C-alpha atoms as a PDB file:
ATOM      1  CA  PHE A   1      96.648  41.092  80.237  1.00  0.00           C
ATOM      2  CA  PHE A   2     100.195  42.283  80.864  1.00  0.00           C
ATOM      3  CA  ASN A   3     101.041  42.146  84.568  1.00  0.00           C
ATOM      4  CA  PRO A   4     102.292  45.656  85.484  1.00  0.00           C
ATOM      5  CA  TYR A   5     103.269  44.766  89.070  1.00  0.00           C
ATOM      6  CA  LEU A   6     106.918  44.150  88.284  1.00  0.00           C
ATOM      7  CA  GLY A   7     108.497  45.839  91.296  1.00  0.00           C
ATOM      8  CA  ARG A   8     110.171  43.932  94.092  1.00  0.00           C
ATOM      9  CA  PRO A   9     107.822  42.908  96.914  1.00  0.00           C
ATOM     10  CA  TYR A  10     109.024  43.727 100.430  1.00  0.00           C
ATOM     11  CA  SER A  11     108.620  41.122 103.157  1.00  0.00           C
ATOM     12  CA  ASP A  12     106.630  41.538 106.367  1.00  0.00           C
ATOM     13  CA  ILE A  13     109.942  41.441 108.224  1.00  0.00           C
ATOM     14  CA  GLU A  14     111.277  44.384 106.197  1.00  0.00           C
ATOM     15  CA  ILE A  15     108.074  46.358 106.709  1.00  0.00           C
ATOM     16  CA  PHE A  16     107.941  45.552 110.421  1.00  0.00           C
ATOM     17  CA  ARG A  17     111.528  46.685 110.851  1.00  0.00           C
ATOM     18  CA  VAL A  18     110.734  50.069 109.334  1.00  0.00           C
ATOM     19  CA  ILE A  19     107.542  50.779 111.274  1.00  0.00           C
ATOM     20  CA  SER A  20     108.637  49.305 114.622  1.00  0.00           C
ATOM     21  CA  GLN A  21     111.645  51.609 114.760  1.00  0.00           C
ATOM     22  CA  ASN A  22     109.616  54.793 114.199  1.00  0.00           C
ATOM     23  CA  ASP A  23     108.217  56.355 117.362  1.00  0.00           C
ATOM     24  CA  LYS A  24     105.776  58.568 115.425  1.00  0.00           C
ATOM     25  CA  VAL A  25     103.438  55.716 114.470  1.00  0.00           C
ATOM     26  CA  ARG A  26     101.414  52.909 115.979  1.00  0.00           C
ATOM     27  CA  TYR A  27     100.225  49.848 114.089  1.00  0.00           C
ATOM     28  CA  GLU A  28      98.018  46.768 114.054  1.00  0.00           C
ATOM     29  CA  GLU A  29      98.718  43.586 112.102  1.00  0.00           C
ATOM     30  CA  TYR A  30      95.934  41.583 110.469  1.00  0.00           C
ATOM     31  CA  ASN A  31      96.503  37.915 109.806  1.00  0.00           C
ATOM     32  CA  ASN A  32      94.486  37.578 106.591  1.00  0.00           C
ATOM     33  CA  ASP A  33      93.306  39.643 103.646  1.00  0.00           C
ATOM     34  CA  THR A  34      89.616  39.323 104.501  1.00  0.00           C
ATOM     35  CA  LEU A  35      89.967  40.934 107.933  1.00  0.00           C
ATOM     36  CA  LEU A  36      92.276  43.588 106.518  1.00  0.00           C
ATOM     37  CA  THR A  37      90.069  44.598 103.600  1.00  0.00           C
ATOM     38  CA  LYS A  38      86.971  44.721 105.807  1.00  0.00           C
ATOM     39  CA  LYS A  39      88.781  47.072 108.189  1.00  0.00           C
ATOM     40  CA  VAL A  40      90.130  49.317 105.429  1.00  0.00           C
ATOM     41  CA  ALA A  41      86.734  49.443 103.691  1.00  0.00           C
ATOM     42  CA  GLN A  42      85.224  50.673 106.969  1.00  0.00           C
ATOM     43  CA  LEU A  43      87.879  53.391 107.211  1.00  0.00           C
ATOM     44  CA  LEU A  44      87.209  54.460 103.627  1.00  0.00           C
ATOM     45  CA  ASN A  45      83.501  54.619 104.362  1.00  0.00           C
ATOM     46  CA  GLU A  46      84.375  56.956 107.252  1.00  0.00           C
ATOM     47  CA  ASP A  47      86.023  59.246 104.662  1.00  0.00           C
ATOM     48  CA  LYS A  48      89.578  58.445 105.732  1.00  0.00           C
ATOM     49  CA  VAL A  49      92.350  58.915 103.158  1.00  0.00           C
ATOM     50  CA  ILE A  50      94.398  55.735 102.883  1.00  0.00           C
ATOM     51  CA  GLY A  51      97.971  55.170 101.722  1.00  0.00           C
ATOM     52  CA  TRP A  52      97.742  51.709 100.145  1.00  0.00           C
ATOM     53  CA  TYR A  53     101.080  49.896  99.738  1.00  0.00           C
ATOM     54  CA  GLN A  54     100.955  46.267  98.600  1.00  0.00           C
ATOM     55  CA  GLY A  55     103.306  43.801  96.926  1.00  0.00           C
ATOM     56  CA  GLY A  56     105.531  44.902  94.060  1.00  0.00           C
ATOM     57  CA  ALA A  57     105.168  48.365  92.533  1.00  0.00           C
ATOM     58  CA  GLU A  58     103.436  48.839  89.202  1.00  0.00           C
ATOM     59  CA  ILE A  59     105.483  49.851  86.174  1.00  0.00           C
ATOM     60  CA  GLY A  60     104.546  52.983  84.226  1.00  0.00           C
ATOM     61  CA  PRO A  61     102.936  56.356  84.985  1.00  0.00           C
ATOM     62  CA  ARG A  62      99.794  55.071  86.728  1.00  0.00           C
ATOM     63  CA  ALA A  63      99.073  53.915  90.266  1.00  0.00           C
ATOM     64  CA  LEU A  64      97.160  50.676  89.708  1.00  0.00           C
ATOM     65  CA  GLY A  65      96.435  49.575  93.253  1.00  0.00           C
ATOM     66  CA  ASN A  66      99.825  48.687  94.733  1.00  0.00           C
ATOM     67  CA  ARG A  67     101.223  52.186  95.352  1.00  0.00           C
ATOM     68  CA  SER A  68      98.019  54.203  95.648  1.00  0.00           C
ATOM     69  CA  ILE A  69      96.321  56.851  97.719  1.00  0.00           C
ATOM     70  CA  LEU A  70      92.709  55.732  98.081  1.00  0.00           C
ATOM     71  CA  ALA A  71      89.542  57.448  99.260  1.00  0.00           C
ATOM     72  CA  SER A  72      85.787  57.233  99.034  1.00  0.00           C
ATOM     73  CA  PRO A  73      84.388  58.691  95.803  1.00  0.00           C
ATOM     74  CA  LYS A  74      81.150  59.706  97.571  1.00  0.00           C
ATOM     75  CA  PRO A  75      81.901  63.112  99.145  1.00  0.00           C
ATOM     76  CA  ASP A  76      82.087  65.979  96.673  1.00  0.00           C
ATOM     77  CA  TRP A  77      84.688  67.667  98.916  1.00  0.00           C
ATOM     78  CA  MET A  78      87.080  64.709  98.755  1.00  0.00           C
ATOM     79  CA  ARG A  79      88.522  65.769  95.390  1.00  0.00           C
ATOM     80  CA  ASP A  80      89.439  69.227  96.703  1.00  0.00           C
ATOM     81  CA  HIS A  81      90.751  67.809  99.981  1.00  0.00           C
ATOM     82  CA  ILE A  82      93.173  65.456  98.241  1.00  0.00           C
ATOM     83  CA  ASN A  83      94.261  68.026  95.651  1.00  0.00           C
ATOM     84  CA  ASN A  84      94.729  70.821  98.187  1.00  0.00           C
ATOM     85  CA  ASP A  85      95.827  69.015 101.357  1.00  0.00           C
ATOM     86  CA  VAL A  86      97.389  65.726 100.236  1.00  0.00           C
ATOM     87  CA  LYS A  87      98.760  66.052  96.704  1.00  0.00           C
ATOM     88  CA  LEU A  88      99.273  69.845  96.954  1.00  0.00           C
ATOM     89  CA  ARG A  89      98.403  70.393  93.309  1.00  0.00           C
ATOM     90  CA  GLU A  90      95.978  72.327  91.107  1.00  0.00           C
ATOM     91  CA  TRP A  91      92.296  72.217  92.083  1.00  0.00           C
ATOM     92  CA  TYR A  92      91.094  70.989  88.683  1.00  0.00           C
ATOM     93  CA  ARG A  93      93.205  67.825  88.520  1.00  0.00           C
ATOM     94  CA  PRO A  94      90.938  64.747  88.281  1.00  0.00           C
ATOM     95  CA  PHE A  95      91.175  61.396  90.027  1.00  0.00           C
ATOM     96  CA  ALA A  96      90.600  57.954  88.610  1.00  0.00           C
ATOM     97  CA  PRO A  97      87.801  55.621  89.662  1.00  0.00           C
ATOM     98  CA  ALA A  98      89.021  52.070  90.284  1.00  0.00           C
ATOM     99  CA  VAL A  99      85.926  49.978  89.575  1.00  0.00           C
ATOM    100  CA  LEU A 100      84.930  46.328  89.762  1.00  0.00           C
ATOM    101  CA  PHE A 101      85.013  45.175  86.143  1.00  0.00           C
ATOM    102  CA  GLU A 102      81.707  43.323  86.370  1.00  0.00           C
ATOM    103  CA  ARG A 103      79.902  46.489  87.542  1.00  0.00           C
ATOM    104  CA  GLN A 104      81.491  49.124  85.307  1.00  0.00           C
ATOM    105  CA  SER A 105      78.786  49.028  82.614  1.00  0.00           C
ATOM    106  CA  GLU A 106      76.295  50.338  85.191  1.00  0.00           C
ATOM    107  CA  ILE A 107      78.455  53.393  85.850  1.00  0.00           C
ATOM    108  CA  PHE A 108      80.088  54.348  82.533  1.00  0.00           C
ATOM    109  CA  ASP A 109      78.909  54.595  78.961  1.00  0.00           C
ATOM    110  CA  LEU A 110      81.669  52.176  77.913  1.00  0.00           C
ATOM    111  CA  ASP A 111      82.189  48.572  78.970  1.00  0.00           C
ATOM    112  CA  TYR A 112      85.776  48.280  77.794  1.00  0.00           C
ATOM    113  CA  PHE A 113      88.288  46.342  79.914  1.00  0.00           C
ATOM    114  CA  SER A 114      90.722  49.049  81.020  1.00  0.00           C
ATOM    115  CA  PRO A 115      93.163  47.614  83.604  1.00  0.00           C
ATOM    116  CA  TYR A 116      95.815  50.277  82.935  1.00  0.00           C
ATOM    117  CA  MET A 117      93.562  53.328  83.425  1.00  0.00           C
ATOM    118  CA  LEU A 118      93.850  54.453  79.802  1.00  0.00           C
ATOM    119  CA  VAL A 119      90.203  54.818  78.739  1.00  0.00           C
ATOM    120  CA  THR A 120      88.040  57.895  79.281  1.00  0.00           C
ATOM    121  CA  ALA A 121      84.275  57.444  79.463  1.00  0.00           C
ATOM    122  CA  GLN A 122      81.176  59.414  80.356  1.00  0.00           C
ATOM    123  CA  VAL A 123      79.813  58.748  83.824  1.00  0.00           C
ATOM    124  CA  ASN A 124      76.184  57.732  83.494  1.00  0.00           C
ATOM    125  CA  GLU A 125      73.835  60.433  84.754  1.00  0.00           C
ATOM    126  CA  GLU A 126      72.386  58.412  87.628  1.00  0.00           C
ATOM    127  CA  TRP A 127      75.903  57.840  89.038  1.00  0.00           C
ATOM    128  CA  ARG A 128      77.284  61.385  88.868  1.00  0.00           C
ATOM    129  CA  ASP A 129      75.909  62.377  92.276  1.00  0.00           C
ATOM    130  CA  LYS A 130      77.003  59.051  93.783  1.00  0.00           C
ATOM    131  CA  ILE A 131      80.686  59.344  92.820  1.00  0.00           C
ATOM    132  CA  PRO A 132      81.341  63.097  92.433  1.00  0.00           C
ATOM    133  CA  ALA A 133      84.947  62.900  93.672  1.00  0.00           C
ATOM    134  CA  VAL A 134      85.956  60.897  90.573  1.00  0.00           C
ATOM    135  CA  THR A 135      83.629  62.592  88.071  1.00  0.00           C
ATOM    136  CA  HIS A 136      85.387  65.375  86.174  1.00  0.00           C
ATOM    137  CA  HIS A 137      83.716  68.697  85.367  1.00  0.00           C
ATOM    138  CA  ASP A 138      82.702  67.456  81.915  1.00  0.00           C
ATOM    139  CA  ASN A 139      81.157  64.301  83.484  1.00  0.00           C
ATOM    140  CA  THR A 140      83.979  62.064  82.277  1.00  0.00           C
ATOM    141  CA  ALA A 141      86.299  59.723  84.145  1.00  0.00           C
ATOM    142  CA  ARG A 142      89.419  57.756  83.248  1.00  0.00           C
ATOM    143  CA  TYR A 143      88.590  54.483  84.925  1.00  0.00           C
ATOM    144  CA  GLN A 144      90.587  51.416  85.959  1.00  0.00           C
ATOM    145  CA  SER A 145      88.919  48.022  85.571  1.00  0.00           C
ATOM    146  CA  VAL A 146      89.820  45.757  88.508  1.00  0.00           C
ATOM    147  CA  THR A 147      89.329  41.998  88.564  1.00  0.00           C
ATOM    148  CA  GLU A 148      90.328  39.296  91.006  1.00  0.00           C
ATOM    149  CA  GLN A 149      92.803  38.041  88.415  1.00  0.00           C
ATOM    150  CA  THR A 150      94.512  41.388  87.825  1.00  0.00           C
ATOM    151  CA  ASN A 151      94.883  42.399  91.490  1.00  0.00           C
ATOM    152  CA  SER A 152      93.249  40.103  94.030  1.00  0.00           C
ATOM    153  CA  LYS A 153      93.764  42.175  97.182  1.00  0.00           C
ATOM    154  CA  PHE A 154      92.725  45.451  95.581  1.00  0.00           C
ATOM    155  CA  TYR A 155      89.656  43.718  94.146  1.00  0.00           C
ATOM    156  CA  LYS A 156      88.706  42.401  97.588  1.00  0.00           C
ATOM    157  CA  LEU A 157      89.004  45.893  99.057  1.00  0.00           C
ATOM    158  CA  ILE A 158      86.710  47.448  96.429  1.00  0.00           C
ATOM    159  CA  LYS A 159      84.299  44.536  96.887  1.00  0.00           C
ATOM    160  CA  GLU A 160      84.152  45.137 100.652  1.00  0.00           C
ATOM    161  CA  PHE A 161      83.530  48.845 100.051  1.00  0.00           C
ATOM    162  CA  ASP A 162      80.743  47.891  97.642  1.00  0.00           C
ATOM    163  CA  ASN A 163      79.247  45.588 100.304  1.00  0.00           C
ATOM    164  CA  LEU A 164      79.129  48.522 102.732  1.00  0.00           C
ATOM    165  CA  THR A 165      77.968  51.256 100.381  1.00  0.00           C
ATOM    166  CA  GLY A 166      76.560  49.782  97.173  1.00  0.00           C
ATOM    167  CA  ILE A 167      79.286  51.664  95.299  1.00  0.00           C
ATOM    168  CA  PRO A 168      81.869  49.421  93.564  1.00  0.00           C
ATOM    169  CA  VAL A 169      84.327  52.285  93.068  1.00  0.00           C
ATOM    170  CA  LEU A 170      87.271  53.814  94.919  1.00  0.00           C
ATOM    171  CA  LEU A 171      89.113  57.041  94.219  1.00  0.00           C
ATOM    172  CA  ASN A 172      92.645  56.053  93.183  1.00  0.00           C
ATOM    173  CA  THR A 173      95.661  58.320  92.765  1.00  0.00           C
ATOM    174  CA  SER A 174      99.404  57.758  92.937  1.00  0.00           C
ATOM    175  CA  PHE A 175     101.088  57.480  96.338  1.00  0.00           C
ATOM    176  CA  ASN A 176     103.423  60.464  96.301  1.00  0.00           C
ATOM    177  CA  GLY A 177     103.637  64.127  97.201  1.00  0.00           C
ATOM    178  CA  PRO A 178     104.064  67.054  94.815  1.00  0.00           C
ATOM    179  CA  THR A 179     107.867  66.881  94.480  1.00  0.00           C
ATOM    180  CA  GLU A 180     108.594  63.145  94.487  1.00  0.00           C
ATOM    181  CA  PRO A 181     108.023  60.033  92.384  1.00  0.00           C
ATOM    182  CA  ILE A 182     105.646  57.270  93.414  1.00  0.00           C
ATOM    183  CA  VAL A 183     106.871  55.593  96.606  1.00  0.00           C
ATOM    184  CA  GLU A 184     108.887  52.407  96.177  1.00  0.00           C
ATOM    185  CA  THR A 185     110.238  51.143  99.510  1.00  0.00           C
ATOM    186  CA  PRO A 186     108.582  50.860 102.935  1.00  0.00           C
ATOM    187  CA  GLU A 187     110.813  53.739 104.027  1.00  0.00           C
ATOM    188  CA  ASP A 188     109.455  55.867 101.163  1.00  0.00           C
ATOM    189  CA  ALA A 189     105.868  55.037 102.085  1.00  0.00           C
ATOM    190  CA  LEU A 190     106.317  55.826 105.772  1.00  0.00           C
ATOM    191  CA  LYS A 191     108.088  59.110 105.017  1.00  0.00           C
ATOM    192  CA  SER A 192     105.325  60.269 102.667  1.00  0.00           C
ATOM    193  CA  PHE A 193     102.642  59.137 105.108  1.00  0.00           C
ATOM    194  CA  LEU A 194     104.154  61.268 107.870  1.00  0.00           C
ATOM    195  CA  GLU A 195     104.629  64.305 105.613  1.00  0.00           C
ATOM    196  CA  LEU A 196     101.281  64.275 103.799  1.00  0.00           C
ATOM    197  CA  ASP A 197      97.726  64.627 105.093  1.00  0.00           C
ATOM    198  CA  ILE A 198      97.015  60.894 104.855  1.00  0.00           C
ATOM    199  CA  ASP A 199      94.957  59.394 107.686  1.00  0.00           C
ATOM    200  CA  VAL A 200      96.046  55.752 107.592  1.00  0.00           C
ATOM    201  CA  LEU A 201      98.856  53.809 105.915  1.00  0.00           C
ATOM    202  CA  VAL A 202      98.258  50.171 104.993  1.00  0.00           C
ATOM    203  CA  MET A 203     101.462  48.281 104.163  1.00  0.00           C
ATOM    204  CA  ASP A 204     100.685  44.663 103.325  1.00  0.00           C
ATOM    205  CA  ASN A 205      98.799  43.511 106.447  1.00  0.00           C
ATOM    206  CA  PHE A 206      99.905  46.331 108.740  1.00  0.00           C
ATOM    207  CA  VAL A 207      97.454  49.178 109.438  1.00  0.00           C
ATOM    208  CA  ILE A 208      99.508  52.168 110.568  1.00  0.00           C
ATOM    209  CA  ARG A 209      98.364  55.414 112.193  1.00  0.00           C
ATOM    210  CA  LYS A 210     100.118  58.533 113.371  1.00  0.00           C
ATOM    211  CA  LYS A 211     100.474  58.957 117.130  1.00  0.00           C
END
């Protein structure tokens, strides 16, 4: 496994400085990953769209769980909502399922370790109605295998969502709008959060909402 998270991490002090000086947001800080991921999993289960900003950015063309927009894969309307209202792009563009590696063989017709979101598989028939927001029109999906070793915090979040819903999958797309690259700095993330139809921004252990 090649570690793609080669970007510079930003400290809590740097993040706090950015959010505390902006009068358009309010925030809560969580003191450990368990409390944070439980809270965010609850928000996802309420069909909130989350800007997920953690650690150093991933290298390459994929959002792999450090600079991601996340949502529940359960509602069929979620795909259109994110394409039309968040990403502002064509209706047919698909989203990737980020899946717990140990559960992926239940969901897809392949059981290939795909941490970089490079493998396309058929979604098994019994799962198509459970995760329609990440199932393309031809019943395929380009999935990302997530393990505790590859991305511990992202893994914990998917695990908490699975505990709530029985679905070990999250919709994952890159954290950016239609005319910009993937966000890099806390300033980038906050700017995109305020401009796009994202419900909640999670930067490290800060949960941020619009006023």
